Amino acid sequence: MEMSRAEVNGMSACCWVYREQKLHRASSLFEALGLDEDEPAVISVVGGGGKTTTLHRLADEYVRVGKKVVAATTTHIQKEDEPWFLADPSAEEVKESLERYGQTWVGTPVRGGRLGQMEDQLFSQILSWKIPVLIEADGARRHPMKIPAGHEPVIIPQTTHLLNVYGIETVGKTMEEVCFRLELAEQFLGKTRSEQITYGDIVKLASSEQAGKKGCPDGAKYTVVINKADRESQRQDALEICRLLEKAGIKHVVVTGRCGEVSCAGEE
């Protein structure tokens, strides 16, 4: 059941970090991910179910603590009608935008009003500035779950943090309703497109070097992000997935969503 507009307006963006079998409320996504304000992190985001939303949230949080941040892509992002979205800018234009807005989203124009990967020279310059860089490194065409094709994801070796995002709404839906790269997902999970997604399916994807962890650079911190856990029941689903991920050896899991004041079972 979809939430009413009144319900959405009465909720706020929340996040939790999983540890000791429970979800612990964090004051920000920045805190939940264990980021250091003084660290020039390069954060690549892959998967489905809210990559761009995650990037927006991180960019806004960096700006709120007074840090300049660049967001980019190694695949494609939608160009938005905001002055800090720049198409084919010079390095000076990026710097000017950062001074004015704190954040700048950069790319090369491609079809459909989107931005593709910026020129290598500009990318290298931005990385040399030692400021946080956020990168959408995967595409899922708005599906909440995917398995990467051979050429995916596109993760730069300078990545210090890799976030693998899944939408919690996949649980209980059929494969064909929620999966991008459906045929690959059928083969990997050993299921047909009419079968439902389970907790175990998400865990199998998230813990695999051929799926969620594919291309993760040595030394990068790998975090699974379970997104859209807006309702108490969805946070309970997320908690069960967290516990299974822990058993599969995944140490860092963050849950995000929109919430009211009521805590879910197992939350502190």
C-alpha atoms as a PDB file:
ATOM      1  CA  MET A   1       0.000   0.000   0.000  1.00  0.00           C
ATOM      2  CA  GLU A   2       1.341   3.449  -0.948  1.00  0.00           C
ATOM      3  CA  MET A   3       1.686   6.119   1.717  1.00  0.00           C
ATOM      4  CA  SER A   4      -0.609   9.112   1.503  1.00  0.00           C
ATOM      5  CA  ARG A   5       0.856  12.592   0.907  1.00  0.00           C
ATOM      6  CA  ALA A   6       0.019  13.503   4.504  1.00  0.00           C
ATOM      7  CA  GLU A   7       1.951  10.489   5.758  1.00  0.00           C
ATOM      8  CA  VAL A   8       4.992  11.361   3.640  1.00  0.00           C
ATOM      9  CA  ASN A   9       4.916  15.016   4.733  1.00  0.00           C
ATOM     10  CA  GLY A  10       4.821  13.943   8.363  1.00  0.00           C
ATOM     11  CA  MET A  11       7.961  11.834   8.012  1.00  0.00           C
ATOM     12  CA  SER A  12      11.629  12.732   7.937  1.00  0.00           C
ATOM     13  CA  ALA A  13      14.722  11.187   6.385  1.00  0.00           C
ATOM     14  CA  CYS A  14      16.251   8.708   8.823  1.00  0.00           C
ATOM     15  CA  CYS A  15      19.018   6.172   8.839  1.00  0.00           C
ATOM     16  CA  TRP A  16      20.247   3.377  11.048  1.00  0.00           C
ATOM     17  CA  VAL A  17      23.501   1.484  11.316  1.00  0.00           C
ATOM     18  CA  TYR A  18      23.420  -2.228  12.086  1.00  0.00           C
ATOM     19  CA  ARG A  19      25.503  -3.591  14.934  1.00  0.00           C
ATOM     20  CA  GLU A  20      25.067  -6.151  17.693  1.00  0.00           C
ATOM     21  CA  GLN A  21      21.911  -7.588  16.115  1.00  0.00           C
ATOM     22  CA  LYS A  22      20.064  -4.249  16.250  1.00  0.00           C
ATOM     23  CA  LEU A  23      19.412  -1.109  14.242  1.00  0.00           C
ATOM     24  CA  HIS A  24      20.883   1.960  15.917  1.00  0.00           C
ATOM     25  CA  ARG A  25      19.548   5.350  14.856  1.00  0.00           C
ATOM     26  CA  ALA A  26      22.230   7.619  13.369  1.00  0.00           C
ATOM     27  CA  SER A  27      21.989  11.400  13.206  1.00  0.00           C
ATOM     28  CA  SER A  28      22.984  11.392   9.531  1.00  0.00           C
ATOM     29  CA  LEU A  29      23.977   9.144   6.668  1.00  0.00           C
ATOM     30  CA  PHE A  30      27.450  10.652   7.035  1.00  0.00           C
ATOM     31  CA  GLU A  31      27.625   9.304  10.595  1.00  0.00           C
ATOM     32  CA  ALA A  32      26.110   5.940   9.692  1.00  0.00           C
ATOM     33  CA  LEU A  33      28.758   5.385   7.014  1.00  0.00           C
ATOM     34  CA  GLY A  34      31.549   6.291   9.430  1.00  0.00           C
ATOM     35  CA  LEU A  35      32.853   9.098   7.227  1.00  0.00           C
ATOM     36  CA  ASP A  36      35.514  11.520   8.426  1.00  0.00           C
ATOM     37  CA  GLU A  37      34.941  15.225   7.669  1.00  0.00           C
ATOM     38  CA  ASP A  38      38.674  15.656   7.101  1.00  0.00           C
ATOM     39  CA  GLU A  39      38.987  12.661   4.768  1.00  0.00           C
ATOM     40  CA  PRO A  40      38.730  13.389   1.023  1.00  0.00           C
ATOM     41  CA  ALA A  41      36.577  10.314   0.442  1.00  0.00           C
ATOM     42  CA  VAL A  42      35.806   9.024  -3.055  1.00  0.00           C
ATOM     43  CA  ILE A  43      32.428   7.316  -2.681  1.00  0.00           C
ATOM     44  CA  SER A  44      31.118   5.161  -5.535  1.00  0.00           C
ATOM     45  CA  VAL A  45      27.486   4.023  -5.426  1.00  0.00           C
ATOM     46  CA  VAL A  46      26.211   0.922  -7.240  1.00  0.00           C
ATOM     47  CA  GLY A  47      23.099  -1.262  -7.297  1.00  0.00           C
ATOM     48  CA  GLY A  48      19.497  -0.072  -7.532  1.00  0.00           C
ATOM     49  CA  GLY A  49      16.731   1.334  -5.408  1.00  0.00           C
ATOM     50  CA  GLY A  50      17.937   4.853  -4.685  1.00  0.00           C
ATOM     51  CA  LYS A  51      21.513   5.546  -5.819  1.00  0.00           C
ATOM     52  CA  THR A  52      20.828   9.125  -6.871  1.00  0.00           C
ATOM     53  CA  THR A  53      18.827   9.825  -3.715  1.00  0.00           C
ATOM     54  CA  THR A  54      21.751   8.516  -1.672  1.00  0.00           C
ATOM     55  CA  LEU A  55      24.153  10.792  -3.550  1.00  0.00           C
ATOM     56  CA  HIS A  56      21.893  13.807  -3.009  1.00  0.00           C
ATOM     57  CA  ARG A  57      21.633  13.104   0.680  1.00  0.00           C
ATOM     58  CA  LEU A  58      25.395  12.756   1.089  1.00  0.00           C
ATOM     59  CA  ALA A  59      26.086  15.893  -0.952  1.00  0.00           C
ATOM     60  CA  ASP A  60      23.651  17.918   1.156  1.00  0.00           C
ATOM     61  CA  GLU A  61      25.161  16.589   4.381  1.00  0.00           C
ATOM     62  CA  TYR A  62      28.672  17.548   3.276  1.00  0.00           C
ATOM     63  CA  VAL A  63      27.468  21.057   2.463  1.00  0.00           C
ATOM     64  CA  ARG A  64      25.776  21.367   5.864  1.00  0.00           C
ATOM     65  CA  VAL A  65      29.082  20.691   7.641  1.00  0.00           C
ATOM     66  CA  GLY A  66      30.861  23.238   5.461  1.00  0.00           C
ATOM     67  CA  LYS A  67      32.611  20.843   3.097  1.00  0.00           C
ATOM     68  CA  LYS A  68      32.721  21.333  -0.664  1.00  0.00           C
ATOM     69  CA  VAL A  69      31.780  18.222  -2.649  1.00  0.00           C
ATOM     70  CA  VAL A  70      31.657  17.176  -6.307  1.00  0.00           C
ATOM     71  CA  ALA A  71      29.186  14.579  -7.602  1.00  0.00           C
ATOM     72  CA  ALA A  72      29.806  12.829 -10.908  1.00  0.00           C
ATOM     73  CA  THR A  73      29.152   9.615 -12.792  1.00  0.00           C
ATOM     74  CA  THR A  74      31.047   6.918 -14.635  1.00  0.00           C
ATOM     75  CA  THR A  75      27.792   5.905 -16.355  1.00  0.00           C
ATOM     76  CA  HIS A  76      24.852   8.351 -16.578  1.00  0.00           C
ATOM     77  CA  ILE A  77      22.865  10.640 -14.294  1.00  0.00           C
ATOM     78  CA  GLN A  78      19.846  12.801 -15.051  1.00  0.00           C
ATOM     79  CA  LYS A  79      20.719  16.475 -15.397  1.00  0.00           C
ATOM     80  CA  GLU A  80      18.520  18.408 -12.976  1.00  0.00           C
ATOM     81  CA  ASP A  81      17.311  21.989 -13.229  1.00  0.00           C
ATOM     82  CA  GLU A  82      19.648  23.300 -10.555  1.00  0.00           C
ATOM     83  CA  PRO A  83      22.486  25.795 -11.057  1.00  0.00           C
ATOM     84  CA  TRP A  84      25.030  23.404  -9.547  1.00  0.00           C
ATOM     85  CA  PHE A  85      24.497  20.846 -12.344  1.00  0.00           C
ATOM     86  CA  LEU A  86      27.184  21.641 -14.943  1.00  0.00           C
ATOM     87  CA  ALA A  87      27.601  20.146 -18.414  1.00  0.00           C
ATOM     88  CA  ASP A  88      31.129  20.134 -19.837  1.00  0.00           C
ATOM     89  CA  PRO A  89      32.465  22.798 -17.469  1.00  0.00           C
ATOM     90  CA  SER A  90      36.036  23.987 -17.164  1.00  0.00           C
ATOM     91  CA  ALA A  91      37.931  23.427 -13.931  1.00  0.00           C
ATOM     92  CA  GLU A  92      37.471  27.112 -13.120  1.00  0.00           C
ATOM     93  CA  GLU A  93      33.707  26.860 -13.587  1.00  0.00           C
ATOM     94  CA  VAL A  94      33.605  23.883 -11.207  1.00  0.00           C
ATOM     95  CA  LYS A  95      35.573  25.874  -8.623  1.00  0.00           C
ATOM     96  CA  GLU A  96      33.280  28.879  -8.981  1.00  0.00           C
ATOM     97  CA  SER A  97      30.211  26.678  -8.549  1.00  0.00           C
ATOM     98  CA  LEU A  98      31.715  25.072  -5.449  1.00  0.00           C
ATOM     99  CA  GLU A  99      32.384  28.480  -3.926  1.00  0.00           C
ATOM    100  CA  ARG A 100      28.810  29.565  -4.586  1.00  0.00           C
ATOM    101  CA  TYR A 101      26.816  26.405  -3.795  1.00  0.00           C
ATOM    102  CA  GLY A 102      29.133  24.066  -1.896  1.00  0.00           C
ATOM    103  CA  GLN A 103      28.279  21.176  -4.226  1.00  0.00           C
ATOM    104  CA  THR A 104      28.636  20.710  -7.970  1.00  0.00           C
ATOM    105  CA  TRP A 105      27.360  17.885 -10.174  1.00  0.00           C
ATOM    106  CA  VAL A 106      29.494  17.439 -13.289  1.00  0.00           C
ATOM    107  CA  GLY A 107      29.245  15.479 -16.515  1.00  0.00           C
ATOM    108  CA  THR A 108      29.244  15.443 -20.298  1.00  0.00           C
ATOM    109  CA  PRO A 109      25.870  15.928 -22.063  1.00  0.00           C
ATOM    110  CA  VAL A 110      24.362  12.780 -23.581  1.00  0.00           C
ATOM    111  CA  ARG A 111      20.947  11.913 -25.003  1.00  0.00           C
ATOM    112  CA  GLY A 112      17.776  12.251 -22.991  1.00  0.00           C
ATOM    113  CA  GLY A 113      18.884  15.220 -20.901  1.00  0.00           C
ATOM    114  CA  ARG A 114      21.434  13.139 -19.031  1.00  0.00           C
ATOM    115  CA  LEU A 115      25.052  13.630 -18.084  1.00  0.00           C
ATOM    116  CA  GLY A 116      27.734  11.063 -18.810  1.00  0.00           C
ATOM    117  CA  GLN A 117      31.260  10.673 -17.527  1.00  0.00           C
ATOM    118  CA  MET A 118      33.302  13.871 -17.539  1.00  0.00           C
ATOM    119  CA  GLU A 119      36.563  14.198 -19.435  1.00  0.00           C
ATOM    120  CA  ASP A 120      39.462  12.331 -17.851  1.00  0.00           C
ATOM    121  CA  GLN A 121      41.593  15.460 -17.515  1.00  0.00           C
ATOM    122  CA  LEU A 122      38.907  17.298 -15.520  1.00  0.00           C
ATOM    123  CA  PHE A 123      38.256  14.207 -13.403  1.00  0.00           C
ATOM    124  CA  SER A 124      41.953  14.004 -12.541  1.00  0.00           C
ATOM    125  CA  GLN A 125      42.030  17.695 -11.628  1.00  0.00           C
ATOM    126  CA  ILE A 126      39.030  17.368  -9.306  1.00  0.00           C
ATOM    127  CA  LEU A 127      40.535  14.331  -7.585  1.00  0.00           C
ATOM    128  CA  SER A 128      43.761  16.303  -7.053  1.00  0.00           C
ATOM    129  CA  TRP A 129      41.845  18.941  -5.061  1.00  0.00           C
ATOM    130  CA  LYS A 130      41.462  16.442  -2.204  1.00  0.00           C
ATOM    131  CA  ILE A 131      37.765  17.129  -1.645  1.00  0.00           C
ATOM    132  CA  PRO A 132      34.991  14.524  -1.324  1.00  0.00           C
ATOM    133  CA  VAL A 133      33.851  13.079  -4.649  1.00  0.00           C
ATOM    134  CA  LEU A 134      30.589  11.152  -5.028  1.00  0.00           C
ATOM    135  CA  ILE A 135      30.159   8.907  -8.063  1.00  0.00           C
ATOM    136  CA  GLU A 136      27.133   7.136  -9.498  1.00  0.00           C
ATOM    137  CA  ALA A 137      28.944   4.109 -10.883  1.00  0.00           C
ATOM    138  CA  ASP A 138      26.076   1.903 -12.015  1.00  0.00           C
ATOM    139  CA  GLY A 139      22.710   2.064 -13.749  1.00  0.00           C
ATOM    140  CA  ALA A 140      19.485   0.214 -13.001  1.00  0.00           C
ATOM    141  CA  ARG A 141      16.836   2.185 -14.935  1.00  0.00           C
ATOM    142  CA  ARG A 142      14.966   2.896 -11.701  1.00  0.00           C
ATOM    143  CA  HIS A 143      14.714  -0.763 -10.704  1.00  0.00           C
ATOM    144  CA  PRO A 144      15.283  -1.456  -6.992  1.00  0.00           C
ATOM    145  CA  MET A 145      17.542  -4.462  -7.637  1.00  0.00           C
ATOM    146  CA  LYS A 146      19.975  -5.579 -10.309  1.00  0.00           C
ATOM    147  CA  ILE A 147      22.854  -7.859 -11.184  1.00  0.00           C
ATOM    148  CA  PRO A 148      25.653  -6.269 -13.200  1.00  0.00           C
ATOM    149  CA  ALA A 149      26.425  -7.181 -16.786  1.00  0.00           C
ATOM    150  CA  GLY A 150      29.988  -7.870 -17.877  1.00  0.00           C
ATOM    151  CA  HIS A 151      30.822  -4.193 -18.411  1.00  0.00           C
ATOM    152  CA  GLU A 152      29.262  -3.066 -15.112  1.00  0.00           C
ATOM    153  CA  PRO A 153      29.779  -1.386 -12.713  1.00  0.00           C
ATOM    154  CA  VAL A 154      32.367   1.267 -13.648  1.00  0.00           C
ATOM    155  CA  ILE A 155      34.289   1.873 -10.427  1.00  0.00           C
ATOM    156  CA  ILE A 156      37.410   4.039 -10.436  1.00  0.00           C
ATOM    157  CA  PRO A 157      40.439   2.636  -8.574  1.00  0.00           C
ATOM    158  CA  GLN A 158      40.623   5.743  -6.350  1.00  0.00           C
ATOM    159  CA  THR A 159      37.343   4.707  -4.682  1.00  0.00           C
ATOM    160  CA  THR A 160      37.650   4.679  -0.889  1.00  0.00           C
ATOM    161  CA  HIS A 161      34.038   3.685  -0.124  1.00  0.00           C
ATOM    162  CA  LEU A 162      31.716   1.489  -2.188  1.00  0.00           C
ATOM    163  CA  LEU A 163      27.997   1.652  -1.370  1.00  0.00           C
ATOM    164  CA  ASN A 164      25.776  -1.104  -2.763  1.00  0.00           C
ATOM    165  CA  VAL A 165      22.115  -0.038  -2.643  1.00  0.00           C
ATOM    166  CA  TYR A 166      18.988  -2.241  -2.567  1.00  0.00           C
ATOM    167  CA  GLY A 167      15.378  -1.141  -2.267  1.00  0.00           C
ATOM    168  CA  ILE A 168      13.576  -3.005   0.543  1.00  0.00           C
ATOM    169  CA  GLU A 169      10.396  -3.048  -1.563  1.00  0.00           C
ATOM    170  CA  THR A 170      11.899  -5.921  -3.557  1.00  0.00           C
ATOM    171  CA  VAL A 171      11.033  -8.377  -0.772  1.00  0.00           C
ATOM    172  CA  GLY A 172       7.933 -10.341  -1.741  1.00  0.00           C
ATOM    173  CA  LYS A 173       7.823  -8.934  -5.287  1.00  0.00           C
ATOM    174  CA  THR A 174       8.412 -11.149  -8.300  1.00  0.00           C
ATOM    175  CA  MET A 175      11.736 -11.089 -10.103  1.00  0.00           C
ATOM    176  CA  GLU A 176      10.193  -9.525 -13.194  1.00  0.00           C
ATOM    177  CA  GLU A 177       8.662  -6.721 -11.151  1.00  0.00           C
ATOM    178  CA  VAL A 178      11.873  -5.476  -9.586  1.00  0.00           C
ATOM    179  CA  CYS A 179      15.015  -6.805 -11.314  1.00  0.00           C
ATOM    180  CA  PHE A 180      17.150  -5.037 -13.868  1.00  0.00           C
ATOM    181  CA  ARG A 181      19.155  -7.457 -16.035  1.00  0.00           C
ATOM    182  CA  LEU A 182      16.380  -9.969 -15.410  1.00  0.00           C
ATOM    183  CA  GLU A 183      17.853 -12.880 -17.355  1.00  0.00           C
ATOM    184  CA  LEU A 184      21.190 -12.524 -15.574  1.00  0.00           C
ATOM    185  CA  ALA A 185      19.385 -12.389 -12.234  1.00  0.00           C
ATOM    186  CA  GLU A 186      17.444 -15.569 -13.063  1.00  0.00           C
ATOM    187  CA  GLN A 187      20.677 -17.383 -13.851  1.00  0.00           C
ATOM    188  CA  PHE A 188      22.538 -16.070 -10.797  1.00  0.00           C
ATOM    189  CA  LEU A 189      19.766 -16.718  -8.275  1.00  0.00           C
ATOM    190  CA  GLY A 190      18.511 -19.927  -9.898  1.00  0.00           C
ATOM    191  CA  LYS A 191      14.937 -18.613  -9.987  1.00  0.00           C
ATOM    192  CA  THR A 192      12.305 -17.915 -12.605  1.00  0.00           C
ATOM    193  CA  ARG A 193      10.985 -14.429 -13.263  1.00  0.00           C
ATOM    194  CA  SER A 194       7.634 -15.266 -11.671  1.00  0.00           C
ATOM    195  CA  GLU A 195       9.181 -16.250  -8.319  1.00  0.00           C
ATOM    196  CA  GLN A 196       9.323 -13.843  -5.394  1.00  0.00           C
ATOM    197  CA  ILE A 197      12.414 -12.142  -3.996  1.00  0.00           C
ATOM    198  CA  THR A 198      13.455 -13.325  -0.533  1.00  0.00           C
ATOM    199  CA  TYR A 199      15.831 -12.036   2.127  1.00  0.00           C
ATOM    200  CA  GLY A 200      18.297 -14.690   1.013  1.00  0.00           C
ATOM    201  CA  ASP A 201      18.309 -13.442  -2.577  1.00  0.00           C
ATOM    202  CA  ILE A 202      19.399  -9.969  -1.491  1.00  0.00           C
ATOM    203  CA  VAL A 203      22.070 -11.469   0.750  1.00  0.00           C
ATOM    204  CA  LYS A 204      23.375 -13.662  -2.082  1.00  0.00           C
ATOM    205  CA  LEU A 205      23.644 -10.666  -4.415  1.00  0.00           C
ATOM    206  CA  ALA A 206      25.129  -8.306  -1.839  1.00  0.00           C
ATOM    207  CA  SER A 207      27.806 -10.727  -0.654  1.00  0.00           C
ATOM    208  CA  SER A 208      28.975 -11.911  -4.082  1.00  0.00           C
ATOM    209  CA  GLU A 209      32.109 -10.831  -5.943  1.00  0.00           C
ATOM    210  CA  GLN A 210      30.111 -11.334  -9.161  1.00  0.00           C
ATOM    211  CA  ALA A 211      27.238  -9.082  -8.056  1.00  0.00           C
ATOM    212  CA  GLY A 212      27.164  -6.484  -5.269  1.00  0.00           C
ATOM    213  CA  LYS A 213      30.896  -6.572  -4.482  1.00  0.00           C
ATOM    214  CA  LYS A 214      31.973  -6.729  -8.108  1.00  0.00           C
ATOM    215  CA  GLY A 215      34.827  -4.339  -8.851  1.00  0.00           C
ATOM    216  CA  CYS A 216      35.300  -3.222  -5.255  1.00  0.00           C
ATOM    217  CA  PRO A 217      38.897  -1.936  -5.071  1.00  0.00           C
ATOM    218  CA  ASP A 218      41.253  -3.445  -2.544  1.00  0.00           C
ATOM    219  CA  GLY A 219      41.195  -1.313   0.577  1.00  0.00           C
ATOM    220  CA  ALA A 220      37.821   0.308  -0.143  1.00  0.00           C
ATOM    221  CA  LYS A 221      35.187   0.079   2.598  1.00  0.00           C
ATOM    222  CA  TYR A 222      32.213  -1.906   1.312  1.00  0.00           C
ATOM    223  CA  THR A 223      28.803  -1.010   2.741  1.00  0.00           C
ATOM    224  CA  VAL A 224      25.397  -2.435   1.879  1.00  0.00           C
ATOM    225  CA  VAL A 225      22.647   0.210   1.986  1.00  0.00           C
ATOM    226  CA  ILE A 226      19.071  -1.048   2.370  1.00  0.00           C
ATOM    227  CA  ASN A 227      16.917   1.826   1.189  1.00  0.00           C
ATOM    228  CA  LYS A 228      13.269   2.894   1.396  1.00  0.00           C
ATOM    229  CA  ALA A 229      12.623   1.286   4.793  1.00  0.00           C
ATOM    230  CA  ASP A 230       9.827   3.780   5.486  1.00  0.00           C
ATOM    231  CA  ARG A 231       7.494   1.631   7.531  1.00  0.00           C
ATOM    232  CA  GLU A 232       8.071  -0.351  10.700  1.00  0.00           C
ATOM    233  CA  SER A 233       7.399  -3.613   8.850  1.00  0.00           C
ATOM    234  CA  GLN A 234       9.963  -2.673   6.205  1.00  0.00           C
ATOM    235  CA  ARG A 235      12.553  -1.875   8.868  1.00  0.00           C
ATOM    236  CA  GLN A 236      11.877  -5.281  10.403  1.00  0.00           C
ATOM    237  CA  ASP A 237      12.515  -6.831   6.975  1.00  0.00           C
ATOM    238  CA  ALA A 238      15.709  -4.802   6.726  1.00  0.00           C
ATOM    239  CA  LEU A 239      16.809  -5.974  10.173  1.00  0.00           C
ATOM    240  CA  GLU A 240      16.391  -9.615   9.162  1.00  0.00           C
ATOM    241  CA  ILE A 241      18.472  -8.980   6.038  1.00  0.00           C
ATOM    242  CA  CYS A 242      21.138  -7.268   8.159  1.00  0.00           C
ATOM    243  CA  ARG A 243      21.392 -10.331  10.401  1.00  0.00           C
ATOM    244  CA  LEU A 244      21.772 -12.642   7.412  1.00  0.00           C
ATOM    245  CA  LEU A 245      24.370 -10.341   5.838  1.00  0.00           C
ATOM    246  CA  GLU A 246      26.373 -10.465   9.054  1.00  0.00           C
ATOM    247  CA  LYS A 247      26.376 -14.271   8.881  1.00  0.00           C
ATOM    248  CA  ALA A 248      27.578 -13.973   5.264  1.00  0.00           C
ATOM    249  CA  GLY A 249      30.544 -11.880   6.391  1.00  0.00           C
ATOM    250  CA  ILE A 250      29.278  -8.403   5.458  1.00  0.00           C
ATOM    251  CA  LYS A 251      30.440  -6.129   8.272  1.00  0.00           C
ATOM    252  CA  HIS A 252      28.912  -2.788   7.316  1.00  0.00           C
ATOM    253  CA  VAL A 253      25.164  -2.383   6.674  1.00  0.00           C
ATOM    254  CA  VAL A 254      23.142   0.837   6.765  1.00  0.00           C
ATOM    255  CA  VAL A 255      19.355   1.172   6.530  1.00  0.00           C
ATOM    256  CA  THR A 256      17.738   4.343   5.216  1.00  0.00           C
ATOM    257  CA  GLY A 257      14.176   5.566   4.831  1.00  0.00           C
ATOM    258  CA  ARG A 258      11.581   8.084   5.860  1.00  0.00           C
ATOM    259  CA  CYS A 259      10.204   7.650   9.331  1.00  0.00           C
ATOM    260  CA  GLY A 260       8.125   9.047  12.129  1.00  0.00           C
ATOM    261  CA  GLU A 261       8.844   8.803  15.832  1.00  0.00           C
ATOM    262  CA  VAL A 262       7.895   5.159  16.355  1.00  0.00           C
ATOM    263  CA  SER A 263      10.847   2.791  16.655  1.00  0.00           C
ATOM    264  CA  CYS A 264      10.837  -0.600  15.038  1.00  0.00           C
ATOM    265  CA  ALA A 265      11.421  -3.890  16.784  1.00  0.00           C
ATOM    266  CA  GLY A 266      15.105  -4.415  17.413  1.00  0.00           C
ATOM    267  CA  GLU A 267      15.934  -0.710  17.082  1.00  0.00           C
ATOM    268  CA  GLU A 268      17.828   1.404  19.571  1.00  0.00           C
END
